[in-house]
Amino acid sequence: MQHNHFEGADHPEGESLSRHTIHSKSDIHEKGIETHLERIQHEFRNGFDFLKKYPKSVTIFGSSMTKPESPRYAQAQEVASRIIKDTGYAVLTGGGPGIMEAVSKGAKEAGGPSVGLRIHILREHSNSYLTDSMNFTYFFARKAMLAFAAETYIFMPGGYGTFDELFGILTLIQTGKIPRVPIILFDSSFWNPIKEYIATVMLGEDRTIDPHDMDLFEVTDSADRVVEIIRKAPTSEWWRSIN
């Protein structure tokens, strides 16, 4: 059975996501900054409480536009299935279509927790393979929860949102705000050109990163390697000493 955690306690389960979670900029300002801040605080508190249920987890990012007939959909489904079967960790996604759906399907069908941190986006819909979920109003709150205290982060091929998450987490590690956490870029045909650009232009030509920054992520095509990395990763408790 899927569990849904809506933004407010007064939101009956099963009601339309859009009814309670779409707020315009004028709506926010008309209600005043204090109401705005209360909503943000509420969403962060609920998000942290929600994640307490999953002390060991892997967060997987990827495109919402990948079709079920795509080989990348099948790859994502298989990776998620292997994670559940071989590690028992919960698998977290944004709860949407595409790669997120493939991951959720693989995790659920393997008998494990398939967790979605969802938000209403006009061109996206929630997938039906979640065993537990929470809905967000604020994109930045959802982003923080997806990046919070996972044992490993896996990035499948994706678009702007996937890259936003990737470089955000890389920056946190690069600047020492969180310790080294495994970052896996799955599918070398997609990620190796990105890696080459980083090495050639950012490191080689413009010197905007240091040589050791190239070691913050690993590109692989192997589900076996993914499982190996997850098994070796320590349980994330860096958040206990944030300063």
Protein backbone atom coordinates (compact mmCIF):
# COMPACT_ATOMS: atom_id res chain seq x y z
CA MET A 1 0.00 0.00 0.00
CA GLN A 2 1.30 3.43 -0.88
CA HIS A 3 1.47 6.06 1.86
CA ASN A 4 1.01 9.71 0.94
CA HIS A 5 2.22 12.60 3.08
CA PHE A 6 0.64 15.85 1.99
CA GLU A 7 1.86 19.32 2.82
CA GLY A 8 -0.63 20.07 5.58
CA ALA A 9 -2.33 17.93 8.19
CA ASP A 10 -5.72 19.17 6.98
CA HIS A 11 -5.26 17.75 3.50
CA PRO A 12 -7.32 14.58 3.14
CA GLU A 13 -5.41 11.68 1.64
CA GLY A 14 -6.08 11.17 -2.02
CA GLU A 15 -7.19 14.69 -2.86
CA SER A 16 -5.78 16.41 -5.91
CA LEU A 17 -2.11 17.28 -5.57
CA SER A 18 -2.57 20.51 -7.51
CA ARG A 19 -5.39 21.72 -5.29
CA HIS A 20 -3.12 22.12 -2.29
CA THR A 21 0.37 22.64 -3.62
CA ILE A 22 0.30 25.29 -6.36
CA HIS A 23 1.02 28.78 -5.09
CA SER A 24 1.71 31.76 -7.31
CA LYS A 25 4.26 34.45 -6.48
CA SER A 26 1.46 36.95 -5.85
CA ASP A 27 -0.26 34.46 -3.53
CA ILE A 28 2.92 34.17 -1.48
CA HIS A 29 3.43 37.93 -1.18
CA GLU A 30 -0.21 38.71 -0.50
CA LYS A 31 -0.20 36.34 2.45
CA GLY A 32 2.92 37.94 3.86
CA ILE A 33 6.44 36.73 4.39
CA GLU A 34 5.64 35.19 7.79
CA THR A 35 3.12 32.81 6.25
CA HIS A 36 5.64 32.01 3.55
CA LEU A 37 8.31 31.20 6.14
CA GLU A 38 5.91 29.09 8.17
CA ARG A 39 5.10 26.99 5.12
CA ILE A 40 8.78 26.51 4.35
CA GLN A 41 9.55 25.52 7.94
CA HIS A 42 6.61 23.14 7.94
CA GLU A 43 7.78 21.47 4.75
CA PHE A 44 11.36 21.03 5.96
CA ARG A 45 10.22 19.63 9.31
CA ASN A 46 7.86 17.16 7.65
CA GLY A 47 10.55 16.20 5.17
CA PHE A 48 13.12 15.39 7.85
CA ASP A 49 10.55 13.45 9.85
CA PHE A 50 9.58 11.52 6.74
CA LEU A 51 13.19 10.55 5.94
CA LYS A 52 13.78 9.22 9.46
CA LYS A 53 11.91 6.12 8.35
CA TYR A 54 14.70 5.32 5.89
CA PRO A 55 18.05 5.41 7.73
CA LYS A 56 19.82 3.67 4.84
CA SER A 57 18.95 4.90 1.38
CA VAL A 58 20.18 5.54 -2.13
CA THR A 59 18.90 8.52 -4.10
CA ILE A 60 18.63 8.14 -7.87
CA PHE A 61 18.18 11.04 -10.28
CA GLY A 62 17.36 11.03 -13.98
CA SER A 63 15.23 12.36 -16.78
CA SER A 64 11.45 12.55 -16.51
CA MET A 65 11.22 12.24 -20.31
CA THR A 66 12.70 8.77 -20.80
CA LYS A 67 10.14 6.42 -22.39
CA PRO A 68 9.44 2.87 -21.15
CA GLU A 69 10.68 1.45 -24.46
CA SER A 70 14.09 3.11 -24.02
CA PRO A 71 17.06 0.90 -23.08
CA ARG A 72 17.88 3.48 -20.41
CA TYR A 73 14.51 2.85 -18.77
CA ALA A 74 15.34 -0.85 -18.55
CA GLN A 75 18.82 -0.07 -17.18
CA ALA A 76 17.41 2.14 -14.45
CA GLN A 77 14.84 -0.49 -13.50
CA GLU A 78 17.52 -3.16 -13.25
CA VAL A 79 19.86 -1.02 -11.15
CA ALA A 80 17.09 -0.25 -8.66
CA SER A 81 16.11 -3.91 -8.48
CA ARG A 82 19.70 -4.91 -7.75
CA ILE A 83 20.03 -2.30 -5.03
CA ILE A 84 16.96 -3.66 -3.24
CA LYS A 85 17.92 -7.31 -3.61
CA ASP A 86 21.63 -6.94 -2.80
CA THR A 87 21.69 -4.18 -0.17
CA GLY A 88 18.17 -3.81 1.24
CA TYR A 89 18.47 -0.02 1.15
CA ALA A 90 15.49 2.18 0.40
CA VAL A 91 15.50 3.75 -3.07
CA LEU A 92 14.48 7.40 -3.31
CA THR A 93 13.49 9.34 -6.42
CA GLY A 94 11.52 12.44 -7.32
CA GLY A 95 8.50 10.19 -7.80
CA GLY A 96 7.80 11.28 -11.36
CA PRO A 97 7.78 9.61 -14.80
CA GLY A 98 10.70 8.54 -16.99
CA ILE A 99 13.83 7.33 -15.21
CA MET A 100 12.14 8.00 -11.87
CA GLU A 101 9.30 5.66 -12.79
CA ALA A 102 11.74 2.99 -13.98
CA VAL A 103 13.65 3.17 -10.71
CA SER A 104 10.46 3.08 -8.64
CA LYS A 105 9.20 0.10 -10.62
CA GLY A 106 12.43 -1.82 -10.20
CA ALA A 107 12.53 -1.16 -6.47
CA LYS A 108 8.87 -2.02 -5.84
CA GLU A 109 8.87 -5.18 -7.92
CA ALA A 110 12.00 -6.33 -6.07
CA GLY A 111 10.06 -6.03 -2.81
CA GLY A 112 11.78 -3.02 -1.34
CA PRO A 113 10.92 0.53 -0.29
CA SER A 114 10.24 2.66 -3.37
CA VAL A 115 10.07 6.20 -2.02
CA GLY A 116 9.00 9.29 -3.96
CA LEU A 117 9.53 12.93 -3.01
CA ARG A 118 7.00 14.50 -5.33
CA ILE A 119 6.18 17.96 -6.58
CA HIS A 120 3.56 19.21 -9.03
CA ILE A 121 5.09 20.04 -12.41
CA LEU A 122 2.69 20.65 -15.27
CA ARG A 123 4.34 18.31 -17.75
CA GLU A 124 4.95 15.54 -15.22
CA HIS A 125 2.79 13.07 -13.34
CA SER A 126 3.51 10.89 -10.35
CA ASN A 127 4.28 7.28 -11.09
CA SER A 128 2.29 4.36 -9.70
CA TYR A 129 5.21 2.32 -8.33
CA LEU A 130 5.74 4.13 -5.03
CA THR A 131 5.36 2.37 -1.70
CA ASP A 132 5.65 5.65 0.20
CA SER A 133 5.70 9.30 -0.81
CA MET A 134 5.62 12.91 0.30
CA ASN A 135 4.41 15.89 -1.68
CA PHE A 136 6.23 19.22 -1.75
CA THR A 137 5.18 22.74 -2.61
CA TYR A 138 8.67 24.24 -2.66
CA PHE A 139 11.17 22.97 -5.18
CA PHE A 140 14.16 23.87 -3.02
CA ALA A 141 12.74 21.96 -0.04
CA ARG A 142 12.27 18.87 -2.17
CA LYS A 143 15.78 19.26 -3.57
CA ALA A 144 17.23 19.42 -0.07
CA MET A 145 15.40 16.25 0.98
CA LEU A 146 16.54 14.34 -2.11
CA ALA A 147 20.13 15.30 -1.31
CA PHE A 148 19.89 14.72 2.43
CA ALA A 149 21.96 11.99 4.05
CA ALA A 150 21.82 9.28 1.37
CA GLU A 151 24.54 6.64 1.42
CA THR A 152 25.09 6.97 -2.34
CA TYR A 153 23.84 9.23 -5.13
CA ILE A 154 23.27 7.76 -8.58
CA PHE A 155 22.74 9.92 -11.64
CA MET A 156 21.17 8.41 -14.72
CA PRO A 157 21.00 10.37 -17.99
CA GLY A 158 18.92 13.49 -17.51
CA GLY A 159 18.34 17.14 -18.26
CA TYR A 160 18.67 20.44 -16.44
CA GLY A 161 17.17 19.14 -13.20
CA THR A 162 19.52 16.17 -13.07
CA PHE A 163 22.52 18.40 -13.73
CA ASP A 164 21.33 20.86 -11.08
CA GLU A 165 21.28 18.09 -8.48
CA LEU A 166 24.60 16.67 -9.62
CA PHE A 167 26.60 19.86 -9.50
CA GLY A 168 24.89 20.95 -6.30
CA ILE A 169 26.04 17.80 -4.49
CA LEU A 170 29.49 17.94 -6.10
CA THR A 171 29.84 21.50 -4.81
CA LEU A 172 28.88 20.48 -1.26
CA ILE A 173 31.59 17.81 -1.29
CA GLN A 174 34.16 20.03 -3.04
CA THR A 175 33.72 22.79 -0.46
CA GLY A 176 33.75 20.42 2.50
CA LYS A 177 30.18 21.13 3.59
CA ILE A 178 29.50 17.41 3.52
CA PRO A 179 32.07 14.56 3.56
CA ARG A 180 32.80 12.35 0.59
CA VAL A 181 29.69 10.48 -0.45
CA PRO A 182 29.80 8.17 -3.48
CA ILE A 183 28.49 9.81 -6.65
CA ILE A 184 27.87 7.38 -9.49
CA LEU A 185 27.20 8.52 -13.04
CA PHE A 186 25.52 5.57 -14.69
CA ASP A 187 25.73 5.11 -18.49
CA SER A 188 29.11 6.00 -19.93
CA SER A 189 27.68 6.83 -23.36
CA PHE A 190 25.90 9.79 -21.75
CA TRP A 191 28.35 10.81 -19.03
CA ASN A 192 31.78 10.32 -20.61
CA PRO A 193 31.37 13.35 -22.93
CA ILE A 194 30.46 15.42 -19.85
CA LYS A 195 33.48 14.05 -18.00
CA GLU A 196 35.67 14.86 -20.99
CA TYR A 197 34.40 18.45 -21.07
CA ILE A 198 35.07 18.87 -17.35
CA ALA A 199 38.59 17.48 -17.75
CA THR A 200 39.47 19.33 -20.95
CA VAL A 201 37.83 22.71 -20.48
CA MET A 202 37.14 23.25 -16.79
CA LEU A 203 40.35 21.62 -15.56
CA GLY A 204 42.68 21.78 -18.55
CA GLU A 205 41.92 25.10 -20.24
CA ASP A 206 40.27 27.34 -17.67
CA ARG A 207 41.55 25.85 -14.39
CA THR A 208 38.19 26.39 -12.68
CA ILE A 209 38.52 23.15 -10.68
CA ASP A 210 41.42 21.28 -9.08
CA PRO A 211 42.75 17.94 -10.38
CA HIS A 212 41.42 16.04 -7.36
CA ASP A 213 37.90 17.28 -8.16
CA MET A 214 37.85 14.76 -11.00
CA ASP A 215 37.84 12.04 -8.35
CA LEU A 216 34.55 13.14 -6.79
CA PHE A 217 32.48 10.96 -9.13
CA GLU A 218 32.72 7.67 -10.98
CA VAL A 219 31.28 6.72 -14.37
CA THR A 220 30.12 3.14 -14.79
CA ASP A 221 27.86 0.86 -16.82
CA SER A 222 27.92 -1.95 -14.28
CA ALA A 223 25.15 -2.72 -11.81
CA ASP A 224 27.65 -4.94 -9.99
CA ARG A 225 29.91 -1.93 -9.50
CA VAL A 226 26.99 0.13 -8.22
CA VAL A 227 26.19 -2.49 -5.59
CA GLU A 228 29.86 -2.75 -4.62
CA ILE A 229 30.13 1.00 -4.07
CA ILE A 230 26.95 1.13 -2.00
CA ARG A 231 28.09 -1.75 0.21
CA LYS A 232 31.41 -0.03 0.93
CA ALA A 233 29.86 3.37 1.67
CA PRO A 234 29.51 4.21 5.39
CA THR A 235 26.13 5.13 6.80
CA SER A 236 25.69 8.88 6.36
CA GLU A 237 25.68 10.80 9.63
CA TRP A 238 27.46 13.95 8.47
CA TRP A 239 24.30 15.99 9.13
CA ARG A 240 24.75 15.52 12.88
CA SER A 241 27.72 17.92 12.84
CA ILE A 242 26.64 20.55 10.33
CA ASN A 243 28.08 23.96 11.16
